[in-house]
Amino acid sequence: MNCQHCQQAPISRPRKLCWVCYYTPGVRDLYPSTSKFGRRGVANFNGRSPLPTFPTNARPGSPEKVAVLEERARLKQSLWHPDDATDTRLAPLILQAG
């Protein structure tokens, strides 16, 4: 099989590219990763991020909360705000288990 960019050299790098195309600036970005370990979604960020500007009243697990989490991830903010709504129905269960 030949490189999917230049269609000439044999594939020798990930993304079905040849050596020259893979290391040519800008070419690699034209083709998505085919690896199961490739980055997916908004971003694969694992570090300290700023708090969201405001908490949400959306209940955990609700479609509204999921939408808020998606927006926070897109803005590279922390997913959780200390004042976000919590599910108060779980509090007695946690106290009983404790």
N, C-alpha and C. Protein backbone atom coordinates (compact mmCIF):
# COMPACT_ATOMS: atom_id res chain seq x y z
N MET A 1 0.83 -1.18 0.00
CA MET A 1 0.00 0.00 0.00
C MET A 1 0.88 1.25 0.00
N ASN A 2 0.37 2.27 -0.65
CA ASN A 2 1.13 3.51 -0.74
C ASN A 2 0.56 4.58 0.19
N CYS A 3 1.36 5.58 0.44
CA CYS A 3 1.02 6.71 1.29
C CYS A 3 -0.27 7.36 0.81
N GLN A 4 -1.17 7.70 1.77
CA GLN A 4 -2.44 8.29 1.37
C GLN A 4 -2.30 9.76 0.98
N HIS A 5 -1.12 10.37 1.22
CA HIS A 5 -0.93 11.77 0.84
C HIS A 5 -0.26 11.89 -0.54
N CYS A 6 0.91 11.28 -0.67
CA CYS A 6 1.64 11.43 -1.94
C CYS A 6 1.32 10.32 -2.94
N GLN A 7 0.73 9.23 -2.47
CA GLN A 7 0.35 8.10 -3.32
C GLN A 7 1.54 7.45 -4.02
N GLN A 8 2.75 7.65 -3.51
CA GLN A 8 3.94 7.11 -4.18
C GLN A 8 4.75 6.18 -3.29
N ALA A 9 5.16 6.65 -2.13
CA ALA A 9 6.04 5.87 -1.26
C ALA A 9 5.22 4.89 -0.43
N PRO A 10 5.85 3.80 -0.02
CA PRO A 10 5.13 2.84 0.83
C PRO A 10 4.86 3.41 2.22
N ILE A 11 3.79 2.94 2.83
CA ILE A 11 3.43 3.38 4.18
C ILE A 11 4.48 2.88 5.17
N SER A 12 5.00 3.80 5.97
CA SER A 12 5.97 3.41 6.99
C SER A 12 5.74 4.13 8.31
N ARG A 13 4.74 4.97 8.38
CA ARG A 13 4.42 5.76 9.57
C ARG A 13 2.94 5.62 9.89
N PRO A 14 2.54 6.03 11.10
CA PRO A 14 1.11 6.02 11.42
C PRO A 14 0.31 6.92 10.48
N ARG A 15 -0.99 6.82 10.55
CA ARG A 15 -1.93 7.59 9.73
C ARG A 15 -1.83 7.25 8.25
N LYS A 16 -1.25 6.09 7.95
CA LYS A 16 -1.08 5.60 6.59
C LYS A 16 -0.28 6.55 5.72
N LEU A 17 0.80 7.12 6.32
CA LEU A 17 1.68 8.05 5.62
C LEU A 17 3.07 7.45 5.46
N CYS A 18 3.78 7.95 4.46
CA CYS A 18 5.17 7.56 4.29
C CYS A 18 6.03 8.43 5.22
N TRP A 19 7.31 8.11 5.32
CA TRP A 19 8.22 8.83 6.20
C TRP A 19 8.28 10.31 5.86
N VAL A 20 8.44 10.64 4.60
CA VAL A 20 8.58 12.03 4.18
C VAL A 20 7.32 12.83 4.48
N CYS A 21 6.17 12.30 4.13
CA CYS A 21 4.92 13.03 4.35
C CYS A 21 4.64 13.18 5.85
N TYR A 22 4.91 12.15 6.63
CA TYR A 22 4.64 12.19 8.06
C TYR A 22 5.41 13.32 8.73
N TYR A 23 6.66 13.55 8.30
CA TYR A 23 7.49 14.57 8.93
C TYR A 23 7.49 15.90 8.19
N THR A 24 6.69 16.03 7.14
CA THR A 24 6.54 17.32 6.46
C THR A 24 5.56 18.16 7.27
N PRO A 25 5.96 19.39 7.64
CA PRO A 25 5.07 20.22 8.47
C PRO A 25 3.68 20.40 7.84
N GLY A 26 2.65 20.18 8.64
CA GLY A 26 1.29 20.39 8.20
C GLY A 26 0.60 19.18 7.59
N VAL A 27 1.36 18.24 7.04
CA VAL A 27 0.74 17.09 6.38
C VAL A 27 0.10 16.16 7.41
N ARG A 28 0.80 15.89 8.50
CA ARG A 28 0.29 14.98 9.52
C ARG A 28 -1.06 15.46 10.06
N ASP A 29 -1.24 16.78 10.19
CA ASP A 29 -2.49 17.32 10.72
C ASP A 29 -3.68 17.13 9.78
N LEU A 30 -3.42 16.85 8.52
CA LEU A 30 -4.50 16.65 7.56
C LEU A 30 -5.20 15.31 7.71
N TYR A 31 -4.55 14.37 8.40
CA TYR A 31 -5.08 13.02 8.50
C TYR A 31 -5.26 12.65 9.98
N PRO A 32 -6.45 12.24 10.39
CA PRO A 32 -6.69 11.92 11.79
C PRO A 32 -5.94 10.65 12.20
N SER A 33 -5.68 10.56 13.49
CA SER A 33 -5.01 9.39 14.02
C SER A 33 -5.90 8.16 13.86
N THR A 34 -5.29 7.06 13.51
CA THR A 34 -6.03 5.79 13.40
C THR A 34 -5.76 4.90 14.61
N SER A 35 -4.97 5.41 15.55
CA SER A 35 -4.63 4.64 16.74
C SER A 35 -5.76 4.65 17.75
N LYS A 36 -5.93 3.54 18.46
CA LYS A 36 -6.95 3.51 19.51
C LYS A 36 -6.52 4.37 20.70
N PHE A 37 -5.25 4.79 20.73
CA PHE A 37 -4.76 5.64 21.80
C PHE A 37 -4.74 7.11 21.39
N GLY A 38 -5.19 7.41 20.16
CA GLY A 38 -5.20 8.79 19.67
C GLY A 38 -6.16 9.66 20.46
N ARG A 39 -5.89 10.95 20.46
CA ARG A 39 -6.75 11.89 21.18
C ARG A 39 -8.11 11.96 20.53
N ARG A 40 -9.12 11.97 21.36
CA ARG A 40 -10.48 12.03 20.88
C ARG A 40 -11.21 13.15 21.59
N GLY A 41 -12.29 13.61 21.03
CA GLY A 41 -13.13 14.58 21.70
C GLY A 41 -12.57 15.99 21.71
N VAL A 42 -13.00 16.77 22.69
CA VAL A 42 -12.63 18.18 22.76
C VAL A 42 -11.14 18.32 22.96
N ALA A 43 -10.62 17.71 23.98
CA ALA A 43 -9.19 17.75 24.25
C ALA A 43 -8.87 16.71 25.30
N ASN A 44 -7.69 16.23 25.26
CA ASN A 44 -7.24 15.26 26.23
C ASN A 44 -6.35 16.00 27.22
N PHE A 45 -6.97 16.80 28.08
CA PHE A 45 -6.23 17.65 29.00
C PHE A 45 -6.25 17.04 30.37
N ASN A 46 -5.09 16.95 31.00
CA ASN A 46 -4.99 16.40 32.35
C ASN A 46 -4.06 17.30 33.14
N GLY A 47 -4.62 18.32 33.73
CA GLY A 47 -3.82 19.26 34.51
C GLY A 47 -4.73 20.21 35.25
N ARG A 48 -4.14 21.24 35.83
CA ARG A 48 -4.92 22.23 36.56
C ARG A 48 -5.60 23.17 35.57
N SER A 49 -6.85 23.44 35.82
CA SER A 49 -7.61 24.32 34.94
C SER A 49 -8.41 25.30 35.80
N PRO A 50 -8.76 26.45 35.25
CA PRO A 50 -9.50 27.43 36.04
C PRO A 50 -10.91 26.95 36.36
N LEU A 51 -11.43 27.44 37.48
CA LEU A 51 -12.80 27.13 37.85
C LEU A 51 -13.76 27.76 36.85
N PRO A 52 -14.91 27.14 36.63
CA PRO A 52 -15.94 27.77 35.79
C PRO A 52 -16.37 29.10 36.42
N THR A 53 -16.84 30.02 35.60
CA THR A 53 -17.20 31.34 36.09
C THR A 53 -18.42 31.31 37.00
N PHE A 54 -19.29 30.32 36.85
CA PHE A 54 -20.48 30.24 37.69
C PHE A 54 -20.88 28.79 37.88
N PRO A 55 -21.54 28.45 39.01
CA PRO A 55 -22.03 27.09 39.22
C PRO A 55 -23.29 26.84 38.41
N THR A 56 -23.68 25.59 38.33
CA THR A 56 -24.90 25.24 37.62
C THR A 56 -25.91 24.63 38.59
N ASN A 57 -27.19 24.85 38.31
CA ASN A 57 -28.25 24.26 39.12
C ASN A 57 -28.75 22.95 38.53
N ALA A 58 -28.16 22.52 37.43
CA ALA A 58 -28.58 21.27 36.78
C ALA A 58 -28.24 20.09 37.68
N ARG A 59 -29.18 19.15 37.78
CA ARG A 59 -28.98 17.98 38.63
C ARG A 59 -27.97 17.02 38.00
N PRO A 60 -27.17 16.35 38.83
CA PRO A 60 -26.20 15.38 38.30
C PRO A 60 -26.89 14.32 37.46
N GLY A 61 -26.31 14.02 36.32
CA GLY A 61 -26.83 12.99 35.43
C GLY A 61 -27.89 13.47 34.45
N SER A 62 -28.34 14.70 34.61
CA SER A 62 -29.37 15.21 33.71
C SER A 62 -28.74 15.65 32.39
N PRO A 63 -29.53 15.68 31.32
CA PRO A 63 -29.00 16.16 30.04
C PRO A 63 -28.46 17.59 30.13
N GLU A 64 -29.08 18.42 30.98
CA GLU A 64 -28.61 19.79 31.15
C GLU A 64 -27.21 19.80 31.76
N LYS A 65 -26.96 18.94 32.75
CA LYS A 65 -25.64 18.87 33.39
C LYS A 65 -24.60 18.38 32.39
N VAL A 66 -24.95 17.41 31.58
CA VAL A 66 -24.02 16.90 30.56
C VAL A 66 -23.66 18.01 29.58
N ALA A 67 -24.63 18.82 29.19
CA ALA A 67 -24.38 19.94 28.29
C ALA A 67 -23.44 20.95 28.93
N VAL A 68 -23.64 21.20 30.22
CA VAL A 68 -22.76 22.14 30.94
C VAL A 68 -21.34 21.59 30.99
N LEU A 69 -21.20 20.29 31.26
CA LEU A 69 -19.87 19.67 31.31
C LEU A 69 -19.18 19.73 29.95
N GLU A 70 -19.93 19.51 28.88
CA GLU A 70 -19.35 19.60 27.54
C GLU A 70 -18.84 21.01 27.26
N GLU A 71 -19.62 22.00 27.65
CA GLU A 71 -19.22 23.40 27.43
C GLU A 71 -17.98 23.74 28.25
N ARG A 72 -17.94 23.28 29.49
CA ARG A 72 -16.76 23.53 30.33
C ARG A 72 -15.52 22.87 29.75
N ALA A 73 -15.66 21.67 29.23
CA ALA A 73 -14.52 20.98 28.61
C ALA A 73 -14.05 21.74 27.37
N ARG A 74 -15.00 22.23 26.58
CA ARG A 74 -14.64 22.98 25.37
C ARG A 74 -13.88 24.26 25.73
N LEU A 75 -14.24 24.88 26.84
CA LEU A 75 -13.58 26.11 27.29
C LEU A 75 -12.33 25.84 28.12
N LYS A 76 -11.98 24.55 28.28
CA LYS A 76 -10.81 24.13 29.06
C LYS A 76 -10.89 24.61 30.50
N GLN A 77 -12.09 24.53 31.06
CA GLN A 77 -12.32 24.87 32.46
C GLN A 77 -12.43 23.58 33.26
N SER A 78 -12.31 23.71 34.58
CA SER A 78 -12.56 22.56 35.44
C SER A 78 -14.00 22.10 35.23
N LEU A 79 -14.22 20.80 35.21
CA LEU A 79 -15.57 20.31 34.98
C LEU A 79 -16.49 20.55 36.16
N TRP A 80 -15.93 20.62 37.35
CA TRP A 80 -16.76 20.70 38.55
C TRP A 80 -16.52 22.02 39.27
N HIS A 81 -17.60 22.68 39.63
CA HIS A 81 -17.56 23.90 40.45
C HIS A 81 -17.97 23.49 41.86
N PRO A 82 -17.31 24.02 42.90
CA PRO A 82 -17.67 23.62 44.27
C PRO A 82 -19.14 23.87 44.63
N ASP A 83 -19.77 24.84 43.98
CA ASP A 83 -21.16 25.17 44.29
C ASP A 83 -22.16 24.58 43.31
N ASP A 84 -21.75 23.64 42.47
CA ASP A 84 -22.68 22.97 41.57
C ASP A 84 -23.75 22.25 42.37
N ALA A 85 -24.91 22.09 41.78
CA ALA A 85 -26.00 21.37 42.44
C ALA A 85 -25.58 19.93 42.70
N THR A 86 -26.06 19.39 43.80
CA THR A 86 -25.78 17.99 44.13
C THR A 86 -27.11 17.26 44.25
N ASP A 87 -27.04 15.97 44.24
CA ASP A 87 -28.24 15.16 44.37
C ASP A 87 -28.45 14.88 45.86
N THR A 88 -29.35 15.62 46.48
CA THR A 88 -29.56 15.51 47.93
C THR A 88 -30.19 14.18 48.32
N ARG A 89 -30.75 13.44 47.37
CA ARG A 89 -31.33 12.14 47.69
C ARG A 89 -30.26 11.14 48.10
N LEU A 90 -28.99 11.37 47.68
CA LEU A 90 -27.92 10.44 48.01
C LEU A 90 -27.35 10.66 49.40
N ALA A 91 -27.54 11.85 49.98
CA ALA A 91 -26.94 12.18 51.27
C ALA A 91 -27.33 11.19 52.37
N PRO A 92 -28.62 10.83 52.56
CA PRO A 92 -28.94 9.86 53.62
C PRO A 92 -28.29 8.49 53.40
N LEU A 93 -28.18 8.08 52.14
CA LEU A 93 -27.55 6.78 51.85
C LEU A 93 -26.08 6.80 52.22
N ILE A 94 -25.43 7.91 51.96
CA ILE A 94 -24.00 8.03 52.28
C ILE A 94 -23.81 8.03 53.78
N LEU A 95 -24.69 8.72 54.52
CA LEU A 95 -24.59 8.75 55.97
C LEU A 95 -24.83 7.37 56.57
N GLN A 96 -25.78 6.61 56.00
CA GLN A 96 -26.05 5.26 56.50
C GLN A 96 -24.85 4.35 56.28
N ALA A 97 -24.20 4.48 55.11
CA ALA A 97 -23.06 3.62 54.78
C ALA A 97 -21.86 3.96 55.63
N GLY A 98 -21.73 5.22 56.02
CA GLY A 98 -20.56 5.72 56.76
C GLY A 98 -20.42 5.09 58.07
